Amino acid sequence: MPMQVVLYTRQGCHLCDDALAVLQRQGLHPSLVDIDTDAELRSRYDCCVPVVEIDGRERFRGRVDERLLRRLLAGHRPD
């Protein structure tokens, strides 16, 4: 089963653009969720986007550490 990746983002966020680029360099195609379209998400993530969730677990806030992401991906074993 492929890895489920969600990138919580907002318009005009340069860190969000950077996070998307890092994820895509690693061959990932995240679902993009604009936190400003949902009051609960905006309340939860307002000051910490981008947020990357992989297989239901929050893995990164603010910046994506590409080295750590590669380690996570290397340890991922599909069911």
PDB file of N, CA and C in Angstrom:
ATOM      1  N   MET A   1       0.846  -1.182   0.000  1.00  0.00           N
ATOM      2  CA  MET A   1       0.000   0.000   0.000  1.00  0.00           C
ATOM      3  C   MET A   1       0.888   1.240   0.000  1.00  0.00           C
ATOM      4  N   PRO A   2       0.613   2.190  -0.902  1.00  0.00           N
ATOM      5  CA  PRO A   2       1.468   3.382  -0.974  1.00  0.00           C
ATOM      6  C   PRO A   2       1.319   4.266   0.257  1.00  0.00           C
ATOM      7  N   MET A   3       2.363   4.998   0.514  1.00  0.00           N
ATOM      8  CA  MET A   3       2.404   5.923   1.633  1.00  0.00           C
ATOM      9  C   MET A   3       1.410   7.061   1.399  1.00  0.00           C
ATOM     10  N   GLN A   4       0.660   7.408   2.434  1.00  0.00           N
ATOM     11  CA  GLN A   4      -0.288   8.521   2.366  1.00  0.00           C
ATOM     12  C   GLN A   4       0.395   9.761   2.947  1.00  0.00           C
ATOM     13  N   VAL A   5       0.561  10.782   2.128  1.00  0.00           N
ATOM     14  CA  VAL A   5       1.251  12.004   2.557  1.00  0.00           C
ATOM     15  C   VAL A   5       0.312  13.192   2.390  1.00  0.00           C
ATOM     16  N   VAL A   6       0.194  13.973   3.462  1.00  0.00           N
ATOM     17  CA  VAL A   6      -0.635  15.181   3.436  1.00  0.00           C
ATOM     18  C   VAL A   6       0.259  16.361   3.797  1.00  0.00           C
ATOM     19  N   LEU A   7       0.156  17.420   3.018  1.00  0.00           N
ATOM     20  CA  LEU A   7       0.883  18.649   3.297  1.00  0.00           C
ATOM     21  C   LEU A   7      -0.147  19.722   3.638  1.00  0.00           C
ATOM     22  N   TYR A   8      -0.142  20.148   4.902  1.00  0.00           N
ATOM     23  CA  TYR A   8      -1.008  21.236   5.343  1.00  0.00           C
ATOM     24  C   TYR A   8      -0.279  22.534   5.026  1.00  0.00           C
ATOM     25  N   THR A   9      -0.953  23.414   4.324  1.00  0.00           N
ATOM     26  CA  THR A   9      -0.312  24.580   3.745  1.00  0.00           C
ATOM     27  C   THR A   9      -1.252  25.775   3.775  1.00  0.00           C
ATOM     28  N   ARG A  10      -0.790  26.885   3.223  1.00  0.00           N
ATOM     29  CA  ARG A  10      -1.655  28.058   2.999  1.00  0.00           C
ATOM     30  C   ARG A  10      -1.067  28.859   1.845  1.00  0.00           C
ATOM     31  N   GLN A  11      -1.903  29.666   1.243  1.00  0.00           N
ATOM     32  CA  GLN A  11      -1.488  30.504   0.123  1.00  0.00           C
ATOM     33  C   GLN A  11      -0.403  31.484   0.563  1.00  0.00           C
ATOM     34  N   GLY A  12       0.588  31.702  -0.302  1.00  0.00           N
ATOM     35  CA  GLY A  12       1.622  32.700  -0.042  1.00  0.00           C
ATOM     36  C   GLY A  12       2.672  32.277   0.965  1.00  0.00           C
ATOM     37  N   CYS A  13       2.728  30.995   1.312  1.00  0.00           N
ATOM     38  CA  CYS A  13       3.685  30.492   2.304  1.00  0.00           C
ATOM     39  C   CYS A  13       4.912  29.933   1.582  1.00  0.00           C
ATOM     40  N   HIS A  14       6.031  30.660   1.654  1.00  0.00           N
ATOM     41  CA  HIS A  14       7.232  30.192   0.949  1.00  0.00           C
ATOM     42  C   HIS A  14       7.792  28.916   1.561  1.00  0.00           C
ATOM     43  N   LEU A  15       7.646  28.732   2.868  1.00  0.00           N
ATOM     44  CA  LEU A  15       8.099  27.482   3.486  1.00  0.00           C
ATOM     45  C   LEU A  15       7.265  26.299   2.991  1.00  0.00           C
ATOM     46  N   CYS A  16       5.991  26.547   2.724  1.00  0.00           N
ATOM     47  CA  CYS A  16       5.114  25.504   2.188  1.00  0.00           C
ATOM     48  C   CYS A  16       5.573  25.112   0.783  1.00  0.00           C
ATOM     49  N   ASP A  17       5.945  26.102  -0.019  1.00  0.00           N
ATOM     50  CA  ASP A  17       6.464  25.828  -1.359  1.00  0.00           C
ATOM     51  C   ASP A  17       7.740  25.010  -1.271  1.00  0.00           C
ATOM     52  N   ASP A  18       8.616  25.370  -0.332  1.00  0.00           N
ATOM     53  CA  ASP A  18       9.865  24.623  -0.138  1.00  0.00           C
ATOM     54  C   ASP A  18       9.578  23.184   0.278  1.00  0.00           C
ATOM     55  N   ALA A  19       8.630  23.007   1.193  1.00  0.00           N
ATOM     56  CA  ALA A  19       8.281  21.661   1.672  1.00  0.00           C
ATOM     57  C   ALA A  19       7.756  20.809   0.524  1.00  0.00           C
ATOM     58  N   LEU A  20       6.898  21.377  -0.303  1.00  0.00           N
ATOM     59  CA  LEU A  20       6.363  20.639  -1.447  1.00  0.00           C
ATOM     60  C   LEU A  20       7.489  20.211  -2.379  1.00  0.00           C
ATOM     61  N   ALA A  21       8.434  21.101  -2.626  1.00  0.00           N
ATOM     62  CA  ALA A  21       9.562  20.773  -3.503  1.00  0.00           C
ATOM     63  C   ALA A  21      10.389  19.625  -2.927  1.00  0.00           C
ATOM     64  N   VAL A  22      10.642  19.634  -1.620  1.00  0.00           N
ATOM     65  CA  VAL A  22      11.409  18.560  -0.975  1.00  0.00           C
ATOM     66  C   VAL A  22      10.658  17.234  -1.108  1.00  0.00           C
ATOM     67  N   LEU A  23       9.372  17.246  -0.826  1.00  0.00           N
ATOM     68  CA  LEU A  23       8.572  16.023  -0.929  1.00  0.00           C
ATOM     69  C   LEU A  23       8.589  15.483  -2.357  1.00  0.00           C
ATOM     70  N   GLN A  24       8.431  16.364  -3.314  1.00  0.00           N
ATOM     71  CA  GLN A  24       8.425  15.928  -4.711  1.00  0.00           C
ATOM     72  C   GLN A  24       9.785  15.408  -5.154  1.00  0.00           C
ATOM     73  N   ARG A  25      10.878  15.997  -4.652  1.00  0.00           N
ATOM     74  CA  ARG A  25      12.219  15.486  -4.982  1.00  0.00           C
ATOM     75  C   ARG A  25      12.396  14.053  -4.501  1.00  0.00           C
ATOM     76  N   GLN A  26      11.691  13.700  -3.453  1.00  0.00           N
ATOM     77  CA  GLN A  26      11.784  12.349  -2.901  1.00  0.00           C
ATOM     78  C   GLN A  26      10.731  11.409  -3.515  1.00  0.00           C
ATOM     79  N   GLY A  27      10.076  11.874  -4.570  1.00  0.00           N
ATOM     80  CA  GLY A  27       9.127  11.034  -5.290  1.00  0.00           C
ATOM     81  C   GLY A  27       7.740  10.958  -4.662  1.00  0.00           C
ATOM     82  N   LEU A  28       7.446  11.877  -3.748  1.00  0.00           N
ATOM     83  CA  LEU A  28       6.142  11.873  -3.080  1.00  0.00           C
ATOM     84  C   LEU A  28       5.198  12.864  -3.757  1.00  0.00           C
ATOM     85  N   HIS A  29       3.924  12.541  -3.724  1.00  0.00           N
ATOM     86  CA  HIS A  29       2.890  13.390  -4.305  1.00  0.00           C
ATOM     87  C   HIS A  29       1.831  13.625  -3.235  1.00  0.00           C
ATOM     88  N   PRO A  30       2.086  14.592  -2.353  1.00  0.00           N
ATOM     89  CA  PRO A  30       1.182  14.790  -1.220  1.00  0.00           C
ATOM     90  C   PRO A  30      -0.165  15.378  -1.628  1.00  0.00           C
ATOM     91  N   SER A  31      -1.159  15.068  -0.822  1.00  0.00           N
ATOM     92  CA  SER A  31      -2.433  15.774  -0.906  1.00  0.00           C
ATOM     93  C   SER A  31      -2.210  17.122  -0.235  1.00  0.00           C
ATOM     94  N   LEU A  32      -2.639  18.189  -0.886  1.00  0.00           N
ATOM     95  CA  LEU A  32      -2.459  19.526  -0.334  1.00  0.00           C
ATOM     96  C   LEU A  32      -3.744  19.963   0.351  1.00  0.00           C
ATOM     97  N   VAL A  33      -3.620  20.444   1.583  1.00  0.00           N
ATOM     98  CA  VAL A  33      -4.773  20.912   2.344  1.00  0.00           C
ATOM     99  C   VAL A  33      -4.488  22.335   2.797  1.00  0.00           C
ATOM    100  N   ASP A  34      -5.292  23.277   2.316  1.00  0.00           N
ATOM    101  CA  ASP A  34      -5.156  24.679   2.704  1.00  0.00           C
ATOM    102  C   ASP A  34      -5.835  24.857   4.058  1.00  0.00           C
ATOM    103  N   ILE A  35      -5.057  25.159   5.082  1.00  0.00           N
ATOM    104  CA  ILE A  35      -5.612  25.258   6.441  1.00  0.00           C
ATOM    105  C   ILE A  35      -6.588  26.425   6.587  1.00  0.00           C
ATOM    106  N   ASP A  36      -6.489  27.416   5.709  1.00  0.00           N
ATOM    107  CA  ASP A  36      -7.357  28.581   5.825  1.00  0.00           C
ATOM    108  C   ASP A  36      -8.784  28.318   5.353  1.00  0.00           C
ATOM    109  N   THR A  37      -9.041  27.118   4.815  1.00  0.00           N
ATOM    110  CA  THR A  37     -10.393  26.778   4.387  1.00  0.00           C
ATOM    111  C   THR A  37     -11.161  26.045   5.478  1.00  0.00           C
ATOM    112  N   ASP A  38     -10.502  25.801   6.620  1.00  0.00           N
ATOM    113  CA  ASP A  38     -11.133  25.044   7.707  1.00  0.00           C
ATOM    114  C   ASP A  38     -10.722  25.672   9.036  1.00  0.00           C
ATOM    115  N   ALA A  39     -11.693  26.161   9.802  1.00  0.00           N
ATOM    116  CA  ALA A  39     -11.398  26.868  11.059  1.00  0.00           C
ATOM    117  C   ALA A  39     -10.628  25.998  12.050  1.00  0.00           C
ATOM    118  N   GLU A  40     -10.951  24.713  12.123  1.00  0.00           N
ATOM    119  CA  GLU A  40     -10.256  23.822  13.055  1.00  0.00           C
ATOM    120  C   GLU A  40      -8.792  23.645  12.665  1.00  0.00           C
ATOM    121  N   LEU A  41      -8.545  23.437  11.379  1.00  0.00           N
ATOM    122  CA  LEU A  41      -7.161  23.298  10.921  1.00  0.00           C
ATOM    123  C   LEU A  41      -6.385  24.599  11.099  1.00  0.00           C
ATOM    124  N   ARG A  42      -7.036  25.717  10.815  1.00  0.00           N
ATOM    125  CA  ARG A  42      -6.373  27.015  10.985  1.00  0.00           C
ATOM    126  C   ARG A  42      -5.996  27.226  12.454  1.00  0.00           C
ATOM    127  N   SER A  43      -6.887  26.844  13.351  1.00  0.00           N
ATOM    128  CA  SER A  43      -6.605  26.974  14.780  1.00  0.00           C
ATOM    129  C   SER A  43      -5.440  26.066  15.192  1.00  0.00           C
ATOM    130  N   ARG A  44      -5.406  24.862  14.661  1.00  0.00           N
ATOM    131  CA  ARG A  44      -4.384  23.883  15.034  1.00  0.00           C
ATOM    132  C   ARG A  44      -3.009  24.212  14.433  1.00  0.00           C
ATOM    133  N   TYR A  45      -2.982  24.681  13.192  1.00  0.00           N
ATOM    134  CA  TYR A  45      -1.716  24.817  12.473  1.00  0.00           C
ATOM    135  C   TYR A  45      -1.353  26.250  12.080  1.00  0.00           C
ATOM    136  N   ASP A  46      -2.058  27.244  12.576  1.00  0.00           N
ATOM    137  CA  ASP A  46      -1.900  28.620  12.111  1.00  0.00           C
ATOM    138  C   ASP A  46      -0.455  29.102  12.059  1.00  0.00           C
ATOM    139  N   CYS A  47       0.309  28.887  13.087  1.00  0.00           N
ATOM    140  CA  CYS A  47       1.677  29.429  13.167  1.00  0.00           C
ATOM    141  C   CYS A  47       2.757  28.407  12.847  1.00  0.00           C
ATOM    142  N   CYS A  48       2.384  27.250  12.315  1.00  0.00           N
ATOM    143  CA  CYS A  48       3.422  26.230  12.137  1.00  0.00           C
ATOM    144  C   CYS A  48       3.389  25.559  10.767  1.00  0.00           C
ATOM    145  N   VAL A  49       2.673  26.119   9.791  1.00  0.00           N
ATOM    146  CA  VAL A  49       2.712  25.519   8.458  1.00  0.00           C
ATOM    147  C   VAL A  49       4.071  25.767   7.839  1.00  0.00           C
ATOM    148  N   PRO A  50       4.534  24.881   7.012  1.00  0.00           N
ATOM    149  CA  PRO A  50       3.867  23.671   6.572  1.00  0.00           C
ATOM    150  C   PRO A  50       3.914  22.577   7.630  1.00  0.00           C
ATOM    151  N   VAL A  51       2.942  21.701   7.545  1.00  0.00           N
ATOM    152  CA  VAL A  51       2.915  20.505   8.389  1.00  0.00           C
ATOM    153  C   VAL A  51       2.794  19.318   7.448  1.00  0.00           C
ATOM    154  N   VAL A  52       3.657  18.329   7.651  1.00  0.00           N
ATOM    155  CA  VAL A  52       3.641  17.124   6.822  1.00  0.00           C
ATOM    156  C   VAL A  52       3.203  15.948   7.674  1.00  0.00           C
ATOM    157  N   GLU A  53       2.186  15.271   7.175  1.00  0.00           N
ATOM    158  CA  GLU A  53       1.671  14.075   7.827  1.00  0.00           C
ATOM    159  C   GLU A  53       1.930  12.899   6.893  1.00  0.00           C
ATOM    160  N   ILE A  54       2.534  11.844   7.442  1.00  0.00           N
ATOM    161  CA  ILE A  54       2.825  10.646   6.660  1.00  0.00           C
ATOM    162  C   ILE A  54       2.149   9.473   7.338  1.00  0.00           C
ATOM    163  N   ASP A  55       1.286   8.808   6.576  1.00  0.00           N
ATOM    164  CA  ASP A  55       0.534   7.659   7.095  1.00  0.00           C
ATOM    165  C   ASP A  55      -0.150   7.974   8.422  1.00  0.00           C
ATOM    166  N   GLY A  56      -0.741   9.167   8.500  1.00  0.00           N
ATOM    167  CA  GLY A  56      -1.515   9.544   9.669  1.00  0.00           C
ATOM    168  C   GLY A  56      -0.723  10.093  10.841  1.00  0.00           C
ATOM    169  N   ARG A  57       0.607  10.161  10.717  1.00  0.00           N
ATOM    170  CA  ARG A  57       1.452  10.693  11.796  1.00  0.00           C
ATOM    171  C   ARG A  57       2.100  11.996  11.358  1.00  0.00           C
ATOM    172  N   GLU A  58       1.992  12.992  12.224  1.00  0.00           N
ATOM    173  CA  GLU A  58       2.637  14.260  11.942  1.00  0.00           C
ATOM    174  C   GLU A  58       4.146  14.058  12.041  1.00  0.00           C
ATOM    175  N   ARG A  59       4.854  14.412  10.968  1.00  0.00           N
ATOM    176  CA  ARG A  59       6.307  14.182  10.918  1.00  0.00           C
ATOM    177  C   ARG A  59       7.122  15.459  10.896  1.00  0.00           C
ATOM    178  N   PHE A  60       6.593  16.518  10.289  1.00  0.00           N
ATOM    179  CA  PHE A  60       7.356  17.768  10.179  1.00  0.00           C
ATOM    180  C   PHE A  60       6.433  18.949  10.397  1.00  0.00           C
ATOM    181  N   ARG A  61       6.975  19.987  11.036  1.00  0.00           N
ATOM    182  CA  ARG A  61       6.306  21.280  11.197  1.00  0.00           C
ATOM    183  C   ARG A  61       7.310  22.365  10.842  1.00  0.00           C
ATOM    184  N   GLY A  62       6.870  23.328  10.067  1.00  0.00           N
ATOM    185  CA  GLY A  62       7.727  24.472   9.746  1.00  0.00           C
ATOM    186  C   GLY A  62       8.677  24.233   8.598  1.00  0.00           C
ATOM    187  N   ARG A  63       9.533  23.288   8.741  1.00  0.00           N
ATOM    188  CA  ARG A  63      10.483  22.935   7.667  1.00  0.00           C
ATOM    189  C   ARG A  63      10.571  21.419   7.573  1.00  0.00           C
ATOM    190  N   VAL A  64      10.863  20.958   6.370  1.00  0.00           N
ATOM    191  CA  VAL A  64      11.047  19.527   6.158  1.00  0.00           C
ATOM    192  C   VAL A  64      12.539  19.258   6.085  1.00  0.00           C
ATOM    193  N   ASP A  65      13.026  18.437   7.001  1.00  0.00           N
ATOM    194  CA  ASP A  65      14.430  18.034   7.005  1.00  0.00           C
ATOM    195  C   ASP A  65      14.572  16.901   5.982  1.00  0.00           C
ATOM    196  N   GLU A  66      15.200  17.214   4.857  1.00  0.00           N
ATOM    197  CA  GLU A  66      15.266  16.249   3.762  1.00  0.00           C
ATOM    198  C   GLU A  66      16.028  14.986   4.151  1.00  0.00           C
ATOM    199  N   ARG A  67      17.057  15.129   4.954  1.00  0.00           N
ATOM    200  CA  ARG A  67      17.824  13.958   5.389  1.00  0.00           C
ATOM    201  C   ARG A  67      16.958  13.027   6.245  1.00  0.00           C
ATOM    202  N   LEU A  68      16.210  13.608   7.180  1.00  0.00           N
ATOM    203  CA  LEU A  68      15.311  12.813   8.012  1.00  0.00           C
ATOM    204  C   LEU A  68      14.198  12.196   7.167  1.00  0.00           C
ATOM    205  N   LEU A  69      13.693  12.936   6.200  1.00  0.00           N
ATOM    206  CA  LEU A  69      12.667  12.397   5.310  1.00  0.00           C
ATOM    207  C   LEU A  69      13.192  11.176   4.564  1.00  0.00           C
ATOM    208  N   ARG A  70      14.409  11.247   4.061  1.00  0.00           N
ATOM    209  CA  ARG A  70      14.993  10.093   3.361  1.00  0.00           C
ATOM    210  C   ARG A  70      15.082   8.885   4.288  1.00  0.00           C
ATOM    211  N   ARG A  71      15.448   9.111   5.550  1.00  0.00           N
ATOM    212  CA  ARG A  71      15.506   8.006   6.520  1.00  0.00           C
ATOM    213  C   ARG A  71      14.128   7.411   6.746  1.00  0.00           C
ATOM    214  N   LEU A  72      13.118   8.269   6.878  1.00  0.00           N
ATOM    215  CA  LEU A  72      11.750   7.779   7.058  1.00  0.00           C
ATOM    216  C   LEU A  72      11.312   6.937   5.860  1.00  0.00           C
ATOM    217  N   LEU A  73      11.638   7.417   4.685  1.00  0.00           N
ATOM    218  CA  LEU A  73      11.250   6.697   3.471  1.00  0.00           C
ATOM    219  C   LEU A  73      11.985   5.362   3.340  1.00  0.00           C
ATOM    220  N   ALA A  74      13.252   5.360   3.724  1.00  0.00           N
ATOM    221  CA  ALA A  74      14.032   4.118   3.665  1.00  0.00           C
ATOM    222  C   ALA A  74      13.487   3.073   4.632  1.00  0.00           C
ATOM    223  N   GLY A  75      12.938   3.518   5.744  1.00  0.00           N
ATOM    224  CA  GLY A  75      12.390   2.593   6.736  1.00  0.00           C
ATOM    225  C   GLY A  75      10.970   2.172   6.476  1.00  0.00           C
ATOM    226  N   HIS A  76      10.336   2.782   5.479  1.00  0.00           N
ATOM    227  CA  HIS A  76       8.939   2.462   5.159  1.00  0.00           C
ATOM    228  C   HIS A  76       8.877   1.148   4.406  1.00  0.00           C
ATOM    229  N   ARG A  77       8.116   0.228   4.954  1.00  0.00           N
ATOM    230  CA  ARG A  77       7.927  -1.056   4.294  1.00  0.00           C
ATOM    231  C   ARG A  77       6.454  -1.230   3.972  1.00  0.00           C
ATOM    232  N   PRO A  78       6.127  -1.261   2.689  1.00  0.00           N
ATOM    233  CA  PRO A  78       4.712  -1.441   2.325  1.00  0.00           C
ATOM    234  C   PRO A  78       4.177  -2.755   2.871  1.00  0.00           C
ATOM    235  N   ASP A  79       2.891  -2.765   3.243  1.00  0.00           N
ATOM    236  CA  ASP A  79       2.259  -3.993   3.753  1.00  0.00           C
ATOM    237  C   ASP A  79       2.095  -5.022   2.666  1.00  0.00           C
TER     238      ASP A  79
END
